[in-house]
Structure formats: structure tokens, C-alpha cells
Amino acid sequence: MAKSKQIYVCNQCGSQSPKWAGQCTDCGAWNSLVEEVVTERKLSAKQSGYAGMDDVSIHALESIDCQEQSRQTSGESEFDRVLGGGLVAGSVILIGGDPGIGKSTLLLQTVCHLSQNNQVLYVTGEESLQQVAMRAKRLQLSSDNVALMAQTHVESILAQVEKQKPQILVIDSIQTLFTDTITAAPGAVSQVRESAARLVRFAKTHQVAMFLVGHVTKDGSLAGPRVLEHMVDTVLYFEGESDSRFRLLRARKNRFGAVNELGIFAMTEAGLKGVTNPSALFLNRSATPVSGSVIMVSWEGSRPLLVEVQALVDESHLANPRRVTVGLEANRLAMLLAVLHRHGHVATYDRDVFANVVGGVRVHETAADLALMCAVLSSLNNRAIAADCVIFGEIGLSGEIRPVQRGPERLQEAAKHGFTRAIVPLGNKPKKAIEGLTVVAVSRLDQAIEAVFRGD
């Protein structure tokens, strides 16, 4: 009989331990060990997937054919942008996001478009076939050539895929699958890891483009072992609130395109539609400027994006004043406030500071430093910054203003949207004048404050 044993597996790194512990000894994550019952089985070479391994040959690197792989359009320009220009044969794409944010809707739209020139198979493990068909009918999609299958058994799925030979395969979702080689319940760390490994190996061998839908935990990360993200070629995350009309799709990993590329979609009655001018979407430029609001140019993947950074500084009645951020890094705000106190001679240690990026966008780059500090000063002094002024730049601990990447492209984007004045680092001052845009270059924090609130 097969022997069963109880082990504890870390859902972050996948390491195994014979007993439970509060902290994983390998990766250091807390409360990440989950209990699993594993039954040891002896499998044949065919069952284990290692048949024919003796035929593996070694090739010289210079002899490998490096022709650029052709890409297929998904039917949506924003989705193609996040993928790096389109879908590559043999690629495995993992899409995660909160429930109801639009993962299945986007993939159903994509496979219906790709089915015009490809054979596609949509495998659903959570919804019934009728639910998927009703969604396609509601979105008025042309789904005549889309094949559906409701199955969670990996071996059965691969058997049908080998029989049907589709070019596009969708698995919704990876957490519902199970394989006979593991006795743990579906969704367990070992089941997710082994099921994904077999699917990825099949996709690479048969050049099948595969989409995997992944659940997320309450902190927004993908559920299951961390190694799941290492197995796939592309990891995409849906951002934004589920009750909002707009959805943001960000690439966290991409072997075929830019990392941190951002696609912006609007949820309509006909499904997700790409936003062609995202900068105009996040700007709400009122006729009367208000204090605490600054426009900056963020660089998302391969394009500039104009966003509004807001700050609110209020008197604090707490022993430890609050530092709250939405769309920005909280630790960086605390550090910048210390720089503002030391080199700008402005104290906020007795005040609550709240910072927000309008529209649900998350700004991860340091180019938001100068705009954030100007927004804090604007709110603190109740002095509005001109609505036609755009600000960006990184602030160092010694109060210097450091240049950021893609400075000329950021300024061109600002000029295109009607901004007439820009305060930027000295290293980002353009060599040629930009028509309609006055650029003020600064090298120190005090110079930036002077330029913002007291003119040139």
C-alpha cells in the first residue's frame, strides 16, 4: 500500500518541513506553513512525464535559431501593450486579480477574437459551461469557433488538448486543478505547483499559448507557492477597485516585453475596452486651482502618464501623527518629510499627512518625490499651485534633486496636454526648447520650493 505522511509546506517558497513552525526557515515568511497529507506513489516513466529523457541532446548556443517570434494581436491594443506587442506561441501567461475585477471577461474576449484564425480551448474549473456561454452572449461575442470544457483533472485536460491540438488554451483557474501524482486537495501548495509545472511543460513542448487565471490572497498577492510566478513567462495583475469603472492591468514579469507596463481598460456593457488616452482620463483640471494638488508625469512601462498627486496636511491630536498613502509608498513619504524638515526647514512632526494618487493608479517610481513634496507644502500653506504646471523629480537625502529616466518624453507628453510650465531636475533640462512649454530646472529642494511658490 502507498505510504501517507503529514508535512507542512510554505506557500511562499514551497519548502517542506516535518513539523509546523511560525516562521519558514528558508524564506523567513511568517505564518506561511500549511498542512498537507502526501501519499508516496511509484509511477511509470510515462506517468511521471520523464519518458524519452535519454533522447535529450545538447546544442551549441551559436547554433540556436534566433529568429524573432511572430505575435498575434489579442484584439485589444491595451492588452497587446501589456503583453509586449501581442501573444507569442508557447508562452504561458498568469493573470491574477480580485474576484469580479474582469479576468474571465478579458480572457473570453481575447479567445473569441483569436478563434477567428486559431483553434482555441477554454477550460473552466469554477463556472459551468452555461455560465461561460451566457457571458459570451451578454457581451455579444462571436464564439462560434471557441471550444469549452469543464474539467479540473490535469491528466484529462492534457489528453483532450493532445487530441484537439489547440493553439490557444485558457485555464480558469489554476487553483481548481488537481493531478493524480499528488494526493493533496485542489488548491494546496503542492497541487498548484505540480499542476502548473505539467501545464507549462506541455505548453513549451507543443508550442501552445496558455493563459492561467490565478486567485489572490487578501494582501493582493497570488495565492499558492511563490514558485508559480517563476514557472510562467508573464505575470499580470489587475489593479483598481471592483466598484470602479476603470481597470488597470500591470505586467509584473514579462519575458517578451517591458516590466511594469500598464494597460488601462474601461468596463462597459460590451466588456472591457481599452482607454486610448489614459492621461486625459486621470486628469480633472478644474478652472480654479486648489491647494494640495500637483500634476506629475509618471513613466509606466513604455509610455508617459499624467497623474494627479494630492496631499492633505492637518493638525494632529495623536502622540504619533499619521502618515497615510494611497498609490504611493508609505515609508518613502516618511523619509521625504524628514528631508523637507532638514533641508526645506518645514516641520510636519505635529501634523497628519495624507497622500493620494487620483484614479487608483499606483506610482512605484521615485519621480513622484518632488511632486509629492510640493503637494504637501501646498496643503500646509493653503496655497494652490498653478493648474498649467507639471512637476517631477527624485529627492535625495541631502536635499538634491536627481534626474529621472525619460525626461524629454515626459515633457513632450505634458506639452501635448496643454501644460505651459514644468519644474524638473537640472539633469532633465532639454537641450532644445519645447514649443509652448517653459522648463525650470532645479538642483536643490530649496530652489524647487522657490520656483513653485515664488516664481522663477
Protein backbone atom coordinates (compact mmCIF):
# COMPACT_ATOMS: atom_id res chain seq x y z
CA MET A 1 0.00 0.00 0.00
CA ALA A 2 1.06 3.59 -0.59
CA LYS A 3 2.50 5.29 2.46
CA SER A 4 0.98 8.56 3.69
CA LYS A 5 2.76 11.17 5.72
CA GLN A 6 1.96 14.60 7.10
CA ILE A 7 4.15 17.53 6.09
CA TYR A 8 3.99 21.32 6.27
CA VAL A 9 4.63 23.31 3.10
CA CYS A 10 5.44 27.03 2.85
CA ASN A 11 3.02 28.74 0.49
CA GLN A 12 5.65 31.40 -0.29
CA CYS A 13 8.70 29.39 -1.29
CA GLY A 14 7.37 25.81 -1.36
CA SER A 15 9.85 24.41 1.17
CA GLN A 16 8.75 21.41 3.25
CA SER A 17 9.03 20.85 6.99
CA PRO A 18 8.14 17.80 9.11
CA LYS A 19 6.50 19.99 11.77
CA TRP A 20 4.73 23.30 11.98
CA ALA A 21 6.60 26.49 12.85
CA GLY A 22 5.57 30.12 13.00
CA GLN A 23 8.29 31.17 10.55
CA CYS A 24 9.61 29.44 7.45
CA THR A 25 13.28 28.58 7.94
CA ASP A 26 14.06 29.00 4.22
CA CYS A 27 12.42 32.29 3.18
CA GLY A 28 11.62 33.79 6.59
CA ALA A 29 7.88 34.30 5.90
CA TRP A 30 5.61 34.26 8.94
CA ASN A 31 2.51 32.01 9.24
CA SER A 32 3.08 30.58 5.77
CA LEU A 33 3.28 26.85 6.61
CA VAL A 34 0.17 24.87 5.69
CA GLU A 35 -0.55 21.24 6.47
CA GLU A 36 -0.63 18.64 3.71
CA VAL A 37 -1.00 14.88 3.61
CA VAL A 38 1.20 13.34 0.94
CA THR A 39 0.95 9.78 -0.33
CA GLU A 40 4.07 8.36 -1.92
CA ARG A 41 3.42 6.54 -5.20
CA LYS A 42 5.73 4.89 -7.67
CA LEU A 43 4.87 5.98 -11.20
CA SER A 44 6.00 4.68 -14.53
CA ALA A 45 8.16 6.84 -16.77
CA LYS A 46 5.13 7.64 -18.94
CA GLN A 47 3.04 8.74 -15.94
CA SER A 48 5.79 10.85 -14.43
CA GLY A 49 6.39 12.69 -17.69
CA TYR A 50 10.05 11.69 -17.95
CA ALA A 51 9.70 9.21 -20.78
CA GLY A 52 12.21 9.81 -23.51
CA MET A 53 14.63 11.76 -21.36
CA ASP A 54 17.51 9.68 -22.69
CA ASP A 55 16.93 11.28 -26.11
CA VAL A 56 17.70 14.80 -24.88
CA SER A 57 20.60 16.29 -26.83
CA ILE A 58 22.96 19.20 -26.15
CA HIS A 59 23.23 22.11 -28.60
CA ALA A 60 25.81 24.83 -29.04
CA LEU A 61 24.49 28.28 -28.18
CA GLU A 62 25.54 29.79 -31.52
CA SER A 63 23.67 27.08 -33.41
CA ILE A 64 20.27 28.00 -31.94
CA ASP A 65 17.87 29.65 -34.39
CA CYS A 66 17.13 33.14 -33.02
CA GLN A 67 14.51 34.30 -35.47
CA GLU A 68 12.09 36.77 -33.94
CA GLN A 69 8.85 35.07 -32.99
CA SER A 70 5.70 36.35 -34.63
CA ARG A 71 3.00 37.80 -32.39
CA GLN A 72 -0.76 37.62 -32.66
CA THR A 73 -2.95 40.51 -31.70
CA SER A 74 -5.44 39.88 -28.91
CA GLY A 75 -7.99 42.24 -30.42
CA GLU A 76 -7.38 44.89 -27.76
CA SER A 77 -4.47 47.33 -28.13
CA GLU A 78 -4.07 47.86 -24.37
CA PHE A 79 -3.80 44.11 -23.75
CA ASP A 80 -1.26 43.80 -26.58
CA ARG A 81 0.78 46.60 -24.98
CA VAL A 82 0.95 44.78 -21.64
CA LEU A 83 1.89 41.51 -23.36
CA GLY A 84 4.77 43.25 -25.14
CA GLY A 85 3.18 43.63 -28.56
CA GLY A 86 0.97 40.56 -28.82
CA LEU A 87 0.69 36.87 -27.99
CA VAL A 88 3.70 34.61 -28.57
CA ALA A 89 3.27 30.91 -29.36
CA GLY A 90 4.38 28.70 -26.48
CA SER A 91 4.17 31.49 -23.89
CA VAL A 92 2.47 30.96 -20.53
CA ILE A 93 0.67 33.99 -19.07
CA LEU A 94 -0.56 34.13 -15.48
CA ILE A 95 -3.31 36.67 -14.71
CA GLY A 96 -4.26 37.49 -11.11
CA GLY A 97 -6.72 39.88 -9.53
CA ASP A 98 -9.55 40.30 -7.06
CA PRO A 99 -12.81 38.40 -7.63
CA GLY A 100 -15.09 40.13 -10.12
CA ILE A 101 -12.48 42.54 -11.46
CA GLY A 102 -12.64 41.22 -15.03
CA LYS A 103 -10.11 38.40 -15.51
CA SER A 104 -12.53 35.93 -17.10
CA THR A 105 -14.21 38.68 -19.13
CA LEU A 106 -10.92 39.82 -20.65
CA LEU A 107 -9.82 36.28 -21.50
CA LEU A 108 -13.19 35.37 -23.03
CA GLN A 109 -13.00 38.47 -25.24
CA THR A 110 -9.44 37.53 -26.21
CA VAL A 111 -10.14 33.91 -27.14
CA CYS A 112 -13.23 34.88 -29.13
CA HIS A 113 -11.09 37.22 -31.21
CA LEU A 114 -8.22 34.72 -31.57
CA SER A 115 -10.65 31.93 -32.57
CA GLN A 116 -11.10 33.62 -35.96
CA ASN A 117 -7.67 32.35 -37.04
CA ASN A 118 -6.78 29.78 -34.36
CA GLN A 119 -8.23 26.76 -32.67
CA VAL A 120 -8.85 27.68 -29.04
CA LEU A 121 -9.91 25.74 -25.94
CA TYR A 122 -11.36 27.39 -22.82
CA VAL A 123 -11.16 25.16 -19.74
CA THR A 124 -13.33 26.31 -16.84
CA GLY A 125 -12.93 24.83 -13.39
CA GLU A 126 -15.04 27.32 -11.44
CA GLU A 127 -18.00 28.14 -13.69
CA SER A 128 -20.33 25.89 -15.61
CA LEU A 129 -20.41 25.82 -19.39
CA GLN A 130 -23.77 27.60 -19.32
CA GLN A 131 -22.32 30.49 -17.28
CA VAL A 132 -19.49 30.99 -19.76
CA ALA A 133 -21.90 30.84 -22.70
CA MET A 134 -24.23 33.36 -21.03
CA ARG A 135 -21.32 35.79 -20.54
CA ALA A 136 -20.33 35.49 -24.19
CA LYS A 137 -23.92 36.13 -25.24
CA ARG A 138 -24.25 39.11 -22.92
CA LEU A 139 -21.05 40.63 -24.31
CA GLN A 140 -22.24 39.88 -27.87
CA LEU A 141 -19.05 37.99 -28.72
CA SER A 142 -18.57 35.86 -31.81
CA SER A 143 -17.90 32.49 -30.14
CA ASP A 144 -18.70 30.02 -32.93
CA ASN A 145 -15.13 28.62 -33.04
CA VAL A 146 -14.47 28.54 -29.28
CA ALA A 147 -14.35 25.10 -27.67
CA LEU A 148 -15.35 24.83 -23.99
CA MET A 149 -14.57 22.17 -21.42
CA ALA A 150 -15.50 21.98 -17.73
CA GLN A 151 -12.72 19.92 -16.14
CA THR A 152 -10.31 20.14 -13.20
CA HIS A 153 -8.31 16.92 -13.73
CA VAL A 154 -4.94 17.81 -15.26
CA GLU A 155 -4.40 14.46 -16.96
CA SER A 156 -7.85 14.62 -18.60
CA ILE A 157 -7.24 18.19 -19.75
CA LEU A 158 -3.89 17.31 -21.33
CA ALA A 159 -5.39 14.24 -23.02
CA GLN A 160 -8.08 16.39 -24.65
CA VAL A 161 -5.56 19.05 -25.61
CA GLU A 162 -3.38 16.46 -27.34
CA LYS A 163 -6.47 15.23 -29.16
CA GLN A 164 -7.85 18.63 -30.19
CA LYS A 165 -4.43 20.32 -30.71
CA PRO A 166 -5.49 23.93 -29.99
CA GLN A 167 -3.10 26.84 -30.48
CA ILE A 168 -4.63 28.83 -27.57
CA LEU A 169 -5.50 27.33 -24.17
CA VAL A 170 -7.16 29.07 -21.20
CA ILE A 171 -7.20 27.53 -17.70
CA ASP A 172 -9.67 29.23 -15.32
CA SER A 173 -8.32 28.78 -12.72
CA ILE A 174 -5.08 27.06 -11.72
CA GLN A 175 -6.19 26.77 -8.07
CA THR A 176 -9.06 24.45 -9.02
CA LEU A 177 -6.90 21.84 -10.79
CA PHE A 178 -5.55 18.61 -9.36
CA THR A 179 -3.27 15.85 -10.60
CA ASP A 180 -3.15 12.16 -9.72
CA THR A 181 0.52 12.39 -8.81
CA ILE A 182 -0.36 14.39 -5.67
CA THR A 183 -2.97 13.33 -3.11
CA ALA A 184 -3.45 16.77 -1.56
CA ALA A 185 -6.72 18.65 -2.09
CA PRO A 186 -7.09 21.05 -5.07
CA GLY A 187 -5.69 24.46 -4.21
CA ALA A 188 -2.99 23.09 -1.92
CA VAL A 189 0.54 24.30 -2.46
CA SER A 190 1.80 21.01 -3.84
CA GLN A 191 -1.21 20.60 -6.17
CA VAL A 192 -0.87 24.10 -7.61
CA ARG A 193 2.88 23.67 -8.09
CA GLU A 194 2.68 20.26 -9.76
CA SER A 195 -0.37 21.11 -11.91
CA ALA A 196 1.27 24.32 -13.15
CA ALA A 197 4.55 22.52 -13.83
CA ARG A 198 2.86 19.92 -16.02
CA LEU A 199 0.86 22.53 -17.93
CA VAL A 200 3.90 24.74 -18.50
CA ARG A 201 5.98 21.79 -19.69
CA PHE A 202 3.23 20.80 -22.12
CA ALA A 203 2.87 24.36 -23.46
CA LYS A 204 6.60 24.67 -24.12
CA THR A 205 6.80 21.25 -25.79
CA HIS A 206 3.78 21.71 -28.07
CA GLN A 207 4.08 25.50 -28.65
CA VAL A 208 0.65 26.21 -27.18
CA ALA A 209 -0.04 29.75 -25.93
CA MET A 210 -1.57 29.34 -22.49
CA PHE A 211 -3.43 31.68 -20.14
CA LEU A 212 -3.63 30.75 -16.46
CA VAL A 213 -6.04 32.54 -14.11
CA GLY A 214 -4.82 32.79 -10.52
CA HIS A 215 -6.57 33.64 -7.27
CA VAL A 216 -5.15 36.33 -4.99
CA THR A 217 -4.87 36.46 -1.22
CA LYS A 218 -6.27 39.23 0.98
CA ASP A 219 -3.00 41.19 0.66
CA GLY A 220 -3.26 41.17 -3.15
CA SER A 221 -0.54 38.60 -3.96
CA LEU A 222 -1.14 35.45 -5.99
CA ALA A 223 -2.31 32.51 -3.93
CA GLY A 224 -0.21 29.36 -3.92
CA PRO A 225 3.54 28.85 -3.98
CA ARG A 226 5.81 31.70 -5.00
CA VAL A 227 7.50 29.39 -7.47
CA LEU A 228 4.32 29.62 -9.59
CA GLU A 229 5.37 33.08 -10.77
CA HIS A 230 8.85 31.77 -11.68
CA MET A 231 7.43 28.99 -13.87
CA VAL A 232 5.45 31.22 -16.23
CA ASP A 233 6.69 33.72 -18.82
CA THR A 234 4.41 36.63 -17.94
CA VAL A 235 2.68 37.66 -14.70
CA LEU A 236 -0.14 40.19 -14.98
CA TYR A 237 -2.05 41.79 -12.11
CA PHE A 238 -5.40 43.57 -12.27
CA GLU A 239 -5.40 46.73 -10.16
CA GLY A 240 -8.16 49.14 -9.18
CA GLU A 241 -11.37 48.86 -7.23
CA SER A 242 -14.01 46.37 -8.37
CA ASP A 243 -16.74 49.02 -7.97
CA SER A 244 -14.87 51.44 -10.23
CA ARG A 245 -15.49 51.65 -13.95
CA PHE A 246 -11.80 51.52 -14.80
CA ARG A 247 -9.38 48.60 -14.54
CA LEU A 248 -5.57 48.68 -14.62
CA LEU A 249 -3.60 45.67 -15.89
CA ARG A 250 0.08 45.76 -14.93
CA ALA A 251 2.87 43.41 -16.02
CA ARG A 252 4.98 42.37 -13.02
CA LYS A 253 7.08 39.95 -15.07
CA ASN A 254 7.39 39.61 -18.83
CA ARG A 255 9.97 37.64 -20.80
CA PHE A 256 8.59 39.06 -24.05
CA GLY A 257 8.13 42.72 -23.18
CA ALA A 258 8.61 45.56 -20.70
CA VAL A 259 8.09 45.04 -16.99
CA ASN A 260 5.65 47.39 -15.21
CA GLU A 261 3.84 48.03 -18.48
CA LEU A 262 0.35 49.33 -17.74
CA GLY A 263 -2.85 48.74 -19.67
CA ILE A 264 -5.94 50.77 -18.84
CA PHE A 265 -9.44 49.46 -19.51
CA ALA A 266 -12.98 50.71 -19.00
CA MET A 267 -15.68 48.23 -18.01
CA THR A 268 -18.67 48.70 -20.29
CA GLU A 269 -21.81 46.73 -21.13
CA ALA A 270 -19.85 45.18 -24.01
CA GLY A 271 -16.94 44.12 -21.79
CA LEU A 272 -13.51 45.63 -21.22
CA LYS A 273 -12.49 48.34 -23.67
CA GLY A 274 -9.02 49.90 -23.85
CA VAL A 275 -8.58 53.59 -23.00
CA THR A 276 -6.70 55.26 -25.84
CA ASN A 277 -5.77 58.47 -23.97
CA PRO A 278 -5.12 57.48 -20.34
CA SER A 279 -3.53 60.80 -19.35
CA ALA A 280 -6.77 62.65 -20.05
CA LEU A 281 -8.61 60.01 -18.03
CA PHE A 282 -6.77 60.71 -14.77
CA LEU A 283 -6.70 64.50 -15.10
CA ASN A 284 -9.62 66.53 -13.79
CA ARG A 285 -8.31 70.03 -14.30
CA SER A 286 -10.78 72.42 -12.74
CA ALA A 287 -10.89 76.08 -13.66
CA THR A 288 -9.98 77.09 -10.11
CA PRO A 289 -6.74 75.58 -8.73
CA VAL A 290 -6.98 74.02 -5.27
CA SER A 291 -4.28 73.57 -2.65
CA GLY A 292 -2.64 70.20 -2.18
CA SER A 293 -2.92 69.12 -5.83
CA VAL A 294 0.01 68.67 -8.24
CA ILE A 295 0.23 67.14 -11.71
CA MET A 296 3.23 64.89 -12.41
CA VAL A 297 4.36 62.75 -15.33
CA SER A 298 4.85 59.10 -14.39
CA TRP A 299 6.56 56.58 -16.67
CA GLU A 300 4.61 53.34 -16.92
CA GLY A 301 6.34 50.63 -18.92
CA SER A 302 6.95 52.23 -22.32
CA ARG A 303 4.84 55.38 -22.17
CA PRO A 304 4.38 58.53 -20.06
CA LEU A 305 1.25 59.00 -17.99
CA LEU A 306 -0.01 62.24 -16.47
CA VAL A 307 -1.45 61.70 -12.98
CA GLU A 308 -2.62 63.94 -10.16
CA VAL A 309 -0.90 63.67 -6.77
CA GLN A 310 -2.87 65.02 -3.81
CA ALA A 311 -1.79 65.74 -0.25
CA LEU A 312 -3.68 66.81 2.86
CA VAL A 313 -1.82 68.15 5.90
CA ASP A 314 -3.91 68.58 9.03
CA GLU A 315 -3.31 69.23 12.71
CA SER A 316 -2.80 66.01 14.65
CA HIS A 317 -4.16 65.26 18.11
CA LEU A 318 -2.29 61.96 18.40
CA ALA A 319 1.02 61.23 20.05
CA ASN A 320 2.24 59.75 16.77
CA PRO A 321 0.88 61.70 13.77
CA ARG A 322 -0.43 59.55 10.95
CA ARG A 323 1.28 59.05 7.59
CA VAL A 324 -1.26 57.52 5.20
CA THR A 325 -0.64 56.89 1.48
CA VAL A 326 -2.83 55.50 -1.31
CA GLY A 327 -0.96 54.62 -4.51
CA LEU A 328 2.41 55.64 -3.02
CA GLU A 329 4.95 54.07 -0.68
CA ALA A 330 4.32 55.00 2.96
CA ASN A 331 7.95 54.59 4.07
CA ARG A 332 9.13 56.92 1.34
CA LEU A 333 6.67 59.59 2.44
CA ALA A 334 8.10 59.48 5.97
CA MET A 335 11.64 59.79 4.59
CA LEU A 336 10.73 62.73 2.33
CA LEU A 337 9.08 64.58 5.22
CA ALA A 338 12.34 64.24 7.16
CA VAL A 339 14.26 65.67 4.16
CA LEU A 340 11.73 68.51 3.95
CA HIS A 341 12.32 69.31 7.62
CA ARG A 342 16.12 69.20 7.40
CA HIS A 343 16.74 70.90 4.04
CA GLY A 344 13.49 72.80 3.45
CA HIS A 345 13.09 73.98 7.05
CA VAL A 346 9.42 72.92 7.09
CA ALA A 347 8.30 70.81 10.07
CA THR A 348 5.36 68.37 9.91
CA TYR A 349 6.11 66.29 13.01
CA ASP A 350 2.94 67.54 14.75
CA ARG A 351 0.62 67.08 11.75
CA ASP A 352 -1.15 64.23 9.98
CA VAL A 353 -0.12 63.83 6.35
CA PHE A 354 -2.31 62.02 3.82
CA ALA A 355 -1.19 61.39 0.23
CA ASN A 356 -3.16 60.00 -2.67
CA VAL A 357 -2.80 59.34 -6.41
CA VAL A 358 -6.09 60.08 -8.15
CA GLY A 359 -7.78 57.36 -10.19
CA GLY A 360 -6.46 54.28 -8.38
CA VAL A 361 -3.04 54.39 -10.07
CA ARG A 362 -0.05 53.09 -8.09
CA VAL A 363 3.14 55.07 -8.69
CA HIS A 364 6.20 52.96 -7.88
CA GLU A 365 8.95 55.22 -9.22
CA THR A 366 10.88 57.91 -7.34
CA ALA A 367 9.96 60.58 -9.91
CA ALA A 368 6.93 61.37 -7.74
CA ASP A 369 9.13 62.69 -4.87
CA LEU A 370 9.22 66.34 -5.91
CA ALA A 371 5.55 66.45 -6.87
CA LEU A 372 4.56 64.89 -3.54
CA MET A 373 6.60 67.38 -1.52
CA CYS A 374 5.15 70.31 -3.46
CA ALA A 375 1.65 68.96 -2.80
CA VAL A 376 2.45 68.70 0.94
CA LEU A 377 3.73 72.31 1.01
CA SER A 378 0.71 73.49 -0.97
CA SER A 379 -1.70 71.92 1.52
CA LEU A 380 0.29 73.04 4.55
CA ASN A 381 0.37 76.68 3.41
CA ASN A 382 -3.07 76.55 1.71
CA ARG A 383 -1.51 77.91 -1.48
CA ALA A 384 -2.61 76.44 -4.78
CA ILE A 385 -0.14 75.53 -7.48
CA ALA A 386 -0.89 76.77 -10.99
CA ALA A 387 -3.03 74.34 -12.96
CA ASP A 388 -0.77 74.58 -16.02
CA CYS A 389 2.36 73.49 -14.08
CA VAL A 390 3.75 69.95 -14.12
CA ILE A 391 6.39 68.70 -11.67
CA PHE A 392 8.57 65.59 -11.42
CA GLY A 393 11.94 64.61 -9.96
CA GLU A 394 13.65 62.43 -7.35
CA ILE A 395 14.74 63.89 -4.00
CA GLY A 396 17.91 62.61 -2.31
CA LEU A 397 18.57 62.51 1.42
CA SER A 398 20.89 65.51 1.18
CA GLY A 399 18.15 67.61 -0.46
CA GLU A 400 19.42 67.35 -4.04
CA ILE A 401 17.01 66.93 -6.94
CA ARG A 402 18.10 63.95 -9.03
CA PRO A 403 17.19 63.38 -12.69
CA VAL A 404 14.83 60.59 -13.71
CA GLN A 405 14.63 58.44 -16.81
CA ARG A 406 12.85 59.53 -20.00
CA GLY A 407 12.83 63.23 -19.15
CA PRO A 408 12.30 64.55 -22.72
CA GLU A 409 9.41 62.15 -23.37
CA ARG A 410 7.72 63.24 -20.12
CA LEU A 411 8.00 66.89 -21.11
CA GLN A 412 6.63 66.20 -24.58
CA GLU A 413 3.61 64.47 -23.03
CA ALA A 414 3.00 67.47 -20.74
CA ALA A 415 3.22 69.91 -23.64
CA LYS A 416 0.81 67.79 -25.69
CA HIS A 417 -1.83 68.16 -22.97
CA GLY A 418 -1.54 71.93 -22.77
CA PHE A 419 0.82 72.45 -19.83
CA THR A 420 2.91 75.61 -20.16
CA ARG A 421 5.35 75.29 -17.23
CA ALA A 422 7.43 72.41 -15.90
CA ILE A 423 9.69 72.16 -12.85
CA VAL A 424 12.19 69.37 -13.40
CA PRO A 425 15.66 68.26 -12.21
CA LEU A 426 18.63 70.03 -13.75
CA GLY A 427 19.75 66.78 -15.37
CA ASN A 428 16.42 66.54 -17.25
CA LYS A 429 16.60 70.02 -18.79
CA PRO A 430 16.03 69.54 -22.54
CA LYS A 431 18.76 70.57 -24.96
CA LYS A 432 16.19 72.01 -27.34
CA ALA A 433 13.30 74.23 -26.33
CA ILE A 434 9.85 72.64 -26.36
CA GLU A 435 7.23 74.79 -28.04
CA GLY A 436 4.71 76.20 -25.59
CA LEU A 437 6.48 74.83 -22.50
CA THR A 438 8.70 76.81 -20.12
CA VAL A 439 11.08 74.45 -18.31
CA VAL A 440 12.51 75.48 -14.92
CA ALA A 441 15.46 73.27 -13.95
CA VAL A 442 16.36 72.95 -10.24
CA SER A 443 19.12 71.10 -8.42
CA ARG A 444 18.18 71.61 -4.74
CA LEU A 445 14.97 71.31 -2.76
CA ASP A 446 15.01 74.96 -1.68
CA GLN A 447 15.33 76.01 -5.35
CA ALA A 448 12.30 73.89 -6.22
CA ILE A 449 10.25 75.47 -3.42
CA GLU A 450 11.28 78.91 -4.62
CA ALA A 451 10.32 78.10 -8.23
CA VAL A 452 6.95 76.63 -7.29
CA PHE A 453 5.66 79.23 -4.88
CA ARG A 454 7.61 82.39 -5.69
CA GLY A 455 8.01 82.17 -9.46
CA ASP A 456 11.29 81.98 -11.37
